[in-house]
Amino acid sequence: MINWQELVTWASSLNASDVFWKPHSKPAIRLKGTIQICEDWPVLKPEEVAEIARSLMTDREWERFEEYHEKDIGLSIEGVCRLRINVYQERNNIAIVMRIIPLIVKSIDELELPEILKTIAMYPQGLVLVTGPTGCGKSTTLAAMLDHINKNRRAHIVTIEDPIEYVHQDIKSIVSQRAIGIDTDNFLDALKFALRQSPDVILIGEMRDVETMNAAMQAAETGHLVFSTVHTTSAYETMERIINMFPPHERHQILVRLSVSLRAVISQSLVPRAEGTGRVAALEIMIVTPTIEKLIEDGKTSDMYDVIAEGAHWGMQTKNQALFKLYTAGIITEEAAMFYAGNRTEMRQMLKRWQAEQADEAKRRAEEEKKRARLRAQQAAAAAQAAQLSEQAPSAEPAPTPSSSDAEQP
């Protein structure tokens, strides 16, 4: 069998995020957000990929996969990394994607995330949602926030994941991690029984249905801090997605419950760095202030954007504001800022205004430098003229000293 662990170990050393095994193609990795073919490896045969997949499963799991053709697996390569593996079928062949997860959880500071995330992580209760498309780093951000709790609070943290991604060791807190299909049957049952396990903090891997959303809000309402993810790209879309999950006659009640239980929505994208050394997270952050709470209760979710844009005092920022800060700091390019912008028209205006201000500032500095250069030239000319005049002036002869005989004359 192909030594797949050798390739994963090499990919992990490069800080790649994924490894792809597809029949009739060479293995590939995702490095800095871009797919790269492993040219030194041979083209994979269908039976070779199937053999790798079979080695990752028990007999019972393999039988179930042959029937449903979908399987998520979590495992660790000791001393190297942890893997979140998805095995699937395409064109009647088996293919595999392995997400590489570091063994060491990076802190909020190491990930260069906003300081407000530390405050959010230490909330005593409520619902916190981290949103964004697949592969945008939601799990990494959540792991960093749980790690901050683990290092700063004595609590019981319960995670319900499919599969388990980052593994947390007990530090100040006790961390219980449960995998769907191994430790529990489904999210709803796990969440229902988690409330009987004396938790302080609960992580739900994903909000997949109305029942899970209801249970999460109930846990937040009863004094727990609940984290979860939703596949949306902004706070506004997150609210719309949650509201539309429920039938029309329940929406007013859901809005009232959300206004009370929701604490924050963090929507993120991973943006390539300008120097090409990796990616950086751009976060839209909505904190449920009294104003936001009222907008949610009244169903005026479309008005939240302006409140977020003006909520820097509370630690809030829009996606465009986050991208703009990264651009002006020289971390990302203008093209990247435009590509990942939530509102491209607004972003274009922000960039043009800033560039115009920079041009005006550069022009002002150039004019000041010209003035200083002229002044230095005038001062140098004056000094040269003074030196010339000093050289041309006749030297003064000293007055004669009277002799002693002259002094005796009457």
Protein backbone atom coordinates (compact mmCIF):
# COMPACT_ATOMS: atom_id res chain seq x y z
CA MET A 1 0.00 0.00 0.00
CA ILE A 2 1.11 3.57 -0.70
CA ASN A 3 2.76 5.18 2.32
CA TRP A 4 0.20 7.97 2.59
CA GLN A 5 1.54 9.05 5.99
CA GLU A 6 4.85 9.99 4.35
CA LEU A 7 3.11 12.48 2.06
CA VAL A 8 0.98 13.86 4.90
CA THR A 9 4.08 14.33 7.08
CA TRP A 10 5.82 16.21 4.25
CA ALA A 11 2.71 18.34 3.61
CA SER A 12 2.43 19.12 7.31
CA SER A 13 6.06 20.31 7.37
CA LEU A 14 5.15 22.81 4.63
CA ASN A 15 2.11 24.02 6.60
CA ALA A 16 -0.22 22.76 3.86
CA SER A 17 -3.90 22.66 4.80
CA ASP A 18 -5.16 19.68 2.74
CA VAL A 19 -3.98 16.56 0.93
CA PHE A 20 -5.99 15.20 -2.04
CA TRP A 21 -6.04 11.57 -3.19
CA LYS A 22 -7.89 11.13 -6.49
CA PRO A 23 -7.70 8.15 -8.88
CA HIS A 24 -6.02 8.69 -12.26
CA SER A 25 -4.23 11.77 -10.88
CA LYS A 26 -1.13 12.47 -8.84
CA PRO A 27 -1.66 13.40 -5.17
CA ALA A 28 -2.08 17.12 -4.54
CA ILE A 29 -1.86 19.50 -1.60
CA ARG A 30 -3.40 22.87 -0.81
CA LEU A 31 -0.58 25.24 0.14
CA LYS A 32 -1.28 28.88 1.04
CA GLY A 33 -4.77 28.44 -0.40
CA THR A 34 -3.59 27.11 -3.78
CA ILE A 35 -3.70 23.56 -5.15
CA GLN A 36 -0.26 22.16 -6.01
CA ILE A 37 0.33 18.80 -7.71
CA CYS A 38 2.92 16.48 -6.11
CA GLU A 39 4.96 15.87 -9.26
CA ASP A 40 7.36 13.44 -7.54
CA TRP A 41 4.54 10.99 -6.82
CA PRO A 42 3.09 8.53 -9.35
CA VAL A 43 -0.42 8.70 -10.76
CA LEU A 44 -2.79 7.01 -8.33
CA LYS A 45 -4.64 3.87 -9.35
CA PRO A 46 -8.28 3.47 -8.20
CA GLU A 47 -7.42 0.36 -6.19
CA GLU A 48 -4.60 2.21 -4.40
CA VAL A 49 -6.90 4.99 -3.19
CA ALA A 50 -9.54 2.41 -2.21
CA GLU A 51 -6.88 0.53 -0.21
CA ILE A 52 -5.95 3.72 1.68
CA ALA A 53 -9.64 4.39 2.42
CA ARG A 54 -10.21 0.82 3.59
CA SER A 55 -7.27 1.05 5.98
CA LEU A 56 -8.84 4.09 7.66
CA MET A 57 -12.10 2.33 8.60
CA THR A 58 -13.32 -0.55 10.70
CA ASP A 59 -15.25 -3.39 9.05
CA ARG A 60 -18.54 -1.88 10.20
CA GLU A 61 -17.63 1.58 8.92
CA TRP A 62 -16.53 0.13 5.57
CA GLU A 63 -19.84 -1.70 5.15
CA ARG A 64 -21.72 1.51 5.87
CA PHE A 65 -19.50 3.45 3.44
CA GLU A 66 -20.17 0.92 0.65
CA GLU A 67 -23.86 1.61 1.16
CA TYR A 68 -23.84 5.43 1.63
CA HIS A 69 -20.51 6.44 -0.06
CA GLU A 70 -19.79 9.22 2.49
CA LYS A 71 -17.54 9.01 5.53
CA ASP A 72 -15.90 11.53 7.88
CA ILE A 73 -12.95 10.30 9.93
CA GLY A 74 -10.78 11.94 12.57
CA LEU A 75 -7.38 10.54 13.51
CA SER A 76 -3.89 11.61 14.58
CA ILE A 77 -0.41 10.87 13.27
CA GLU A 78 1.67 10.86 16.45
CA GLY A 79 4.06 13.75 16.65
CA VAL A 80 3.00 15.14 13.26
CA CYS A 81 -0.59 16.37 13.03
CA ARG A 82 -4.24 15.52 13.35
CA LEU A 83 -6.40 14.76 10.31
CA ARG A 84 -10.02 15.40 9.47
CA ILE A 85 -10.63 13.00 6.60
CA ASN A 86 -13.53 12.82 4.16
CA VAL A 87 -13.84 9.70 2.00
CA TYR A 88 -16.28 9.95 -0.90
CA GLN A 89 -17.09 8.40 -4.24
CA GLU A 90 -16.71 10.15 -7.59
CA ARG A 91 -17.31 8.57 -11.01
CA ASN A 92 -17.64 5.20 -9.32
CA ASN A 93 -14.18 5.54 -7.74
CA ILE A 94 -13.16 6.35 -4.19
CA ALA A 95 -11.42 9.67 -3.46
CA ILE A 96 -10.07 11.13 -0.23
CA VAL A 97 -9.42 14.62 1.13
CA MET A 98 -7.38 14.98 4.32
CA ARG A 99 -7.53 18.26 6.23
CA ILE A 100 -4.29 18.79 8.20
CA ILE A 101 -4.83 20.12 11.73
CA PRO A 102 -1.83 21.12 13.90
CA LEU A 103 -1.39 19.25 17.15
CA ILE A 104 -0.71 22.52 18.99
CA VAL A 105 -3.62 24.95 19.21
CA LYS A 106 -2.49 28.45 18.26
CA SER A 107 -3.55 31.32 20.51
CA ILE A 108 -5.65 34.31 19.50
CA ASP A 109 -2.47 36.43 19.48
CA GLU A 110 -0.52 33.95 17.35
CA LEU A 111 -3.32 33.93 14.79
CA GLU A 112 -3.31 37.76 14.75
CA LEU A 113 -7.02 37.86 15.60
CA PRO A 114 -8.70 40.92 17.18
CA GLU A 115 -8.39 41.30 20.95
CA ILE A 116 -12.19 41.44 21.33
CA LEU A 117 -12.27 37.66 20.76
CA LYS A 118 -10.65 37.21 24.19
CA THR A 119 -13.50 39.19 25.75
CA ILE A 120 -16.11 37.18 23.83
CA ALA A 121 -14.50 33.91 24.92
CA MET A 122 -14.87 34.90 28.56
CA TYR A 123 -18.60 35.71 28.39
CA PRO A 124 -20.39 33.81 31.18
CA GLN A 125 -23.28 32.71 28.94
CA GLY A 126 -24.97 33.20 25.59
CA LEU A 127 -24.68 32.03 21.97
CA VAL A 128 -21.61 32.87 19.86
CA LEU A 129 -21.61 31.99 16.14
CA VAL A 130 -18.52 31.79 13.93
CA THR A 131 -19.50 31.86 10.27
CA GLY A 132 -17.92 31.66 6.84
CA PRO A 133 -17.51 29.31 3.87
CA THR A 134 -15.81 25.92 4.11
CA GLY A 135 -12.07 26.19 4.64
CA CYS A 136 -12.09 29.76 5.98
CA GLY A 137 -10.59 28.84 9.36
CA LYS A 138 -13.73 28.71 11.53
CA SER A 139 -12.48 25.65 13.44
CA THR A 140 -9.10 27.29 14.07
CA THR A 141 -10.71 30.45 15.44
CA LEU A 142 -13.04 28.44 17.68
CA ALA A 143 -10.13 26.31 18.90
CA ALA A 144 -8.19 29.47 19.81
CA MET A 145 -11.16 30.83 21.77
CA LEU A 146 -11.67 27.52 23.61
CA ASP A 147 -7.93 27.46 24.34
CA HIS A 148 -8.21 30.95 25.85
CA ILE A 149 -11.04 29.72 28.11
CA ASN A 150 -9.04 26.62 28.99
CA LYS A 151 -6.07 28.74 30.10
CA ASN A 152 -8.02 31.41 31.97
CA ARG A 153 -11.17 29.88 33.45
CA ARG A 154 -11.98 26.89 35.63
CA ALA A 155 -14.86 25.35 33.73
CA HIS A 156 -16.18 22.19 32.08
CA ILE A 157 -15.96 22.46 28.29
CA VAL A 158 -17.97 19.96 26.22
CA THR A 159 -17.39 19.76 22.46
CA ILE A 160 -19.67 17.89 20.03
CA GLU A 161 -17.97 17.50 16.66
CA ASP A 162 -18.16 15.47 13.44
CA PRO A 163 -15.35 14.48 13.61
CA ILE A 164 -13.16 15.85 16.43
CA GLU A 165 -10.65 18.29 14.95
CA TYR A 166 -8.38 20.09 17.44
CA VAL A 167 -7.65 18.05 20.56
CA HIS A 168 -7.59 20.07 23.80
CA GLN A 169 -5.72 18.98 26.91
CA ASP A 170 -7.03 19.88 30.36
CA ILE A 171 -5.29 23.02 31.66
CA LYS A 172 -7.43 25.07 34.03
CA SER A 173 -10.62 23.61 32.58
CA ILE A 174 -11.84 20.07 32.03
CA VAL A 175 -12.42 19.38 28.31
CA SER A 176 -14.74 16.56 27.18
CA GLN A 177 -14.73 15.97 23.42
CA ARG A 178 -17.39 13.80 21.75
CA ALA A 179 -17.37 12.61 18.14
CA ILE A 180 -20.59 12.01 16.21
CA GLY A 181 -20.88 8.36 15.19
CA ILE A 182 -18.32 7.21 17.77
CA ASP A 183 -19.17 8.77 21.15
CA THR A 184 -22.76 9.77 20.32
CA ASP A 185 -25.25 9.22 17.52
CA ASN A 186 -26.12 12.79 16.51
CA PHE A 187 -25.80 16.46 17.47
CA LEU A 188 -29.30 16.71 18.96
CA ASP A 189 -28.92 13.77 21.34
CA ALA A 190 -25.43 14.83 22.33
CA LEU A 191 -26.58 18.37 23.07
CA LYS A 192 -29.59 17.17 25.04
CA PHE A 193 -27.46 14.95 27.26
CA ALA A 194 -24.64 17.50 27.46
CA LEU A 195 -26.92 19.65 29.61
CA ARG A 196 -26.83 16.84 32.20
CA GLN A 197 -23.02 16.76 32.22
CA SER A 198 -22.62 20.00 34.22
CA PRO A 199 -21.10 21.98 31.34
CA ASP A 200 -20.11 25.63 31.45
CA VAL A 201 -19.09 25.91 27.80
CA ILE A 202 -20.51 23.89 24.89
CA LEU A 203 -19.12 23.72 21.35
CA ILE A 204 -21.47 22.41 18.64
CA GLY A 205 -19.54 21.65 15.46
CA GLU A 206 -22.27 22.89 13.13
CA MET A 207 -25.86 24.17 13.21
CA ARG A 208 -27.44 21.74 10.75
CA ASP A 209 -31.17 21.85 11.49
CA VAL A 210 -33.97 23.55 13.42
CA GLU A 211 -33.80 21.06 16.29
CA THR A 212 -30.10 21.67 16.90
CA MET A 213 -30.62 25.43 16.71
CA ASN A 214 -33.46 25.24 19.22
CA ALA A 215 -31.38 23.14 21.59
CA ALA A 216 -28.42 25.53 21.28
CA MET A 217 -30.58 28.55 22.11
CA GLN A 218 -32.08 26.69 25.04
CA ALA A 219 -28.60 25.89 26.38
CA ALA A 220 -27.59 29.56 26.00
CA GLU A 221 -30.79 30.69 27.73
CA THR A 222 -30.16 28.40 30.69
CA GLY A 223 -26.78 29.88 31.61
CA HIS A 224 -24.25 28.20 29.29
CA LEU A 225 -21.81 29.72 26.84
CA VAL A 226 -22.48 28.01 23.49
CA PHE A 227 -20.26 28.19 20.39
CA SER A 228 -21.22 26.94 16.95
CA THR A 229 -20.72 27.54 13.22
CA VAL A 230 -22.97 28.49 10.31
CA HIS A 231 -22.05 28.57 6.61
CA THR A 232 -22.83 32.23 5.93
CA THR A 233 -20.62 35.16 4.93
CA SER A 234 -21.90 38.01 7.12
CA ALA A 235 -23.82 38.79 10.31
CA TYR A 236 -26.85 39.84 8.25
CA GLU A 237 -26.87 36.58 6.27
CA THR A 238 -26.48 34.63 9.50
CA MET A 239 -29.58 36.22 10.97
CA GLU A 240 -31.53 35.60 7.75
CA ARG A 241 -30.38 31.97 7.60
CA ILE A 242 -31.43 31.26 11.19
CA ILE A 243 -34.78 33.02 10.83
CA ASN A 244 -35.58 31.21 7.57
CA MET A 245 -34.89 27.85 9.18
CA PHE A 246 -38.16 28.21 11.10
CA PRO A 247 -41.76 28.28 9.80
CA PRO A 248 -43.29 31.80 9.43
CA HIS A 249 -45.58 31.52 12.46
CA GLU A 250 -42.56 30.88 14.76
CA ARG A 251 -40.28 33.63 13.48
CA HIS A 252 -41.33 36.37 15.88
CA GLN A 253 -40.70 34.09 18.84
CA ILE A 254 -37.31 33.08 17.40
CA LEU A 255 -36.34 36.74 16.95
CA VAL A 256 -37.17 37.45 20.58
CA ARG A 257 -35.18 34.42 21.74
CA LEU A 258 -32.21 35.35 19.55
CA SER A 259 -32.21 38.92 20.83
CA VAL A 260 -31.87 37.56 24.37
CA SER A 261 -29.49 34.62 23.83
CA LEU A 262 -27.18 35.77 21.01
CA ARG A 263 -23.96 37.46 22.15
CA ALA A 264 -21.81 37.76 19.01
CA VAL A 265 -21.48 36.76 15.37
CA ILE A 266 -17.98 36.45 13.91
CA SER A 267 -17.83 36.09 10.12
CA GLN A 268 -14.42 35.43 8.60
CA SER A 269 -12.48 34.94 5.39
CA LEU A 270 -8.91 33.81 4.82
CA VAL A 271 -7.11 36.28 2.57
CA PRO A 272 -3.72 35.68 0.87
CA ARG A 273 -0.90 37.83 2.27
CA ALA A 274 0.73 40.33 -0.05
CA GLU A 275 4.19 38.76 0.33
CA GLY A 276 2.81 35.29 -0.50
CA THR A 277 3.78 33.68 2.82
CA GLY A 278 0.32 32.41 3.72
CA ARG A 279 -3.11 33.76 4.59
CA VAL A 280 -4.54 36.10 7.20
CA ALA A 281 -8.05 36.16 8.67
CA ALA A 282 -10.34 39.12 7.97
CA LEU A 283 -13.17 39.15 10.51
CA GLU A 284 -16.53 40.87 10.57
CA ILE A 285 -17.53 41.12 14.24
CA MET A 286 -21.00 41.90 15.50
CA ILE A 287 -21.48 42.31 19.26
CA VAL A 288 -25.08 42.22 20.47
CA THR A 289 -25.31 45.67 22.04
CA PRO A 290 -28.69 47.07 23.17
CA THR A 291 -29.12 48.62 19.71
CA ILE A 292 -28.39 45.33 17.90
CA GLU A 293 -30.64 43.48 20.35
CA LYS A 294 -33.54 45.80 19.50
CA LEU A 295 -32.94 45.41 15.75
CA ILE A 296 -32.99 41.61 16.08
CA GLU A 297 -36.15 41.67 18.18
CA ASP A 298 -37.90 43.89 15.62
CA GLY A 299 -36.64 41.81 12.70
CA LYS A 300 -34.73 44.77 11.19
CA THR A 301 -31.64 42.73 10.42
CA SER A 302 -30.86 44.77 7.28
CA ASP A 303 -30.16 47.80 9.51
CA MET A 304 -27.40 46.03 11.45
CA TYR A 305 -24.64 46.80 8.94
CA ASP A 306 -24.54 50.52 9.72
CA VAL A 307 -24.54 49.83 13.46
CA ILE A 308 -21.63 47.40 13.06
CA ALA A 309 -19.73 49.94 10.93
CA GLU A 310 -20.09 52.57 13.67
CA GLY A 311 -19.50 50.18 16.59
CA ALA A 312 -15.70 50.32 16.91
CA HIS A 313 -16.12 51.33 20.57
CA TRP A 314 -17.68 47.92 21.23
CA GLY A 315 -15.05 46.05 19.19
CA MET A 316 -17.26 45.71 16.12
CA GLN A 317 -16.14 45.97 12.51
CA THR A 318 -17.51 45.12 9.09
CA LYS A 319 -15.69 42.77 6.70
CA ASN A 320 -14.77 45.78 4.57
CA GLN A 321 -13.30 47.61 7.55
CA ALA A 322 -11.24 44.54 8.45
CA LEU A 323 -9.96 44.23 4.88
CA PHE A 324 -9.24 47.96 4.73
CA LYS A 325 -7.09 47.76 7.89
CA LEU A 326 -5.14 44.85 6.45
CA TYR A 327 -4.62 46.69 3.15
CA THR A 328 -3.46 49.97 4.71
CA ALA A 329 -1.08 48.00 6.94
CA GLY A 330 0.48 46.48 3.82
CA ILE A 331 -0.57 42.93 4.76
CA ILE A 332 -2.84 42.27 1.74
CA THR A 333 -3.04 43.69 -1.78
CA GLU A 334 -5.71 45.95 -3.22
CA GLU A 335 -6.85 43.12 -5.49
CA ALA A 336 -7.34 40.79 -2.50
CA ALA A 337 -9.28 43.47 -0.60
CA MET A 338 -11.62 43.91 -3.56
CA PHE A 339 -12.01 40.16 -4.15
CA TYR A 340 -13.03 39.37 -0.56
CA ALA A 341 -15.05 42.54 0.05
CA GLY A 342 -18.59 42.15 1.35
CA ASN A 343 -19.72 45.31 -0.45
CA ARG A 344 -17.42 45.95 -3.40
CA THR A 345 -18.80 49.40 -4.22
CA GLU A 346 -18.15 50.55 -0.66
CA MET A 347 -14.69 48.96 -0.65
CA ARG A 348 -13.78 50.67 -3.94
CA GLN A 349 -14.81 54.02 -2.46
CA MET A 350 -12.82 53.36 0.73
CA LEU A 351 -9.71 52.48 -1.25
CA LYS A 352 -10.01 55.45 -3.63
CA ARG A 353 -10.56 57.87 -0.74
CA TRP A 354 -7.53 56.52 1.12
CA GLN A 355 -5.35 56.53 -2.00
CA ALA A 356 -6.38 60.13 -2.72
CA GLU A 357 -5.52 61.09 0.85
CA GLN A 358 -2.16 59.33 0.51
CA ALA A 359 -1.48 61.16 -2.77
CA ASP A 360 -2.37 64.52 -1.18
CA GLU A 361 -0.14 63.72 1.79
CA ALA A 362 2.73 62.72 -0.49
CA LYS A 363 2.27 65.95 -2.48
CA ARG A 364 2.25 68.03 0.74
CA ARG A 365 5.40 66.29 1.98
CA ALA A 366 7.12 66.84 -1.39
CA GLU A 367 6.28 70.56 -1.29
CA GLU A 368 7.55 70.82 2.30
CA GLU A 369 10.74 69.04 1.28
CA LYS A 370 11.19 71.49 -1.61
CA LYS A 371 10.76 74.42 0.80
CA ARG A 372 13.29 72.92 3.19
CA ALA A 373 15.68 72.30 0.28
CA ARG A 374 15.35 75.94 -0.88
CA LEU A 375 15.91 77.17 2.69
CA ARG A 376 19.00 74.96 3.03
CA ALA A 377 20.29 76.28 -0.31
CA GLN A 378 19.70 79.91 0.79
CA GLN A 379 21.42 79.30 4.10
CA ALA A 380 24.36 77.64 2.34
CA ALA A 381 24.62 80.57 -0.13
CA ALA A 382 24.52 83.10 2.71
CA ALA A 383 27.20 81.23 4.61
CA ALA A 384 29.40 81.06 1.50
CA GLN A 385 28.97 84.79 0.85
CA ALA A 386 29.85 85.65 4.45
CA ALA A 387 32.97 83.50 4.24
CA GLN A 388 34.01 85.20 1.00
CA LEU A 389 33.58 88.69 2.46
CA SER A 390 35.61 87.70 5.50
CA GLU A 391 38.50 86.56 3.30
CA GLN A 392 38.48 89.79 1.22
CA ALA A 393 38.48 92.30 4.19
CA PRO A 394 42.02 93.96 4.95
CA SER A 395 43.54 92.88 8.21
CA ALA A 396 43.64 95.67 10.87
CA GLU A 397 47.23 96.82 11.90
CA PRO A 398 47.85 96.92 15.66
CA ALA A 399 48.31 100.38 17.31
CA PRO A 400 52.00 101.25 18.27
CA THR A 401 52.96 100.68 21.85
CA PRO A 402 54.44 103.82 23.51
CA SER A 403 58.08 103.48 24.60
CA SER A 404 59.28 104.27 28.11
CA SER A 405 61.27 107.34 26.90
CA ASP A 406 58.11 108.73 25.32
CA ALA A 407 56.33 108.24 28.61
CA GLU A 408 58.99 110.41 30.41
CA GLN A 409 58.53 113.40 28.06
CA PRO A 410 56.83 116.31 29.89
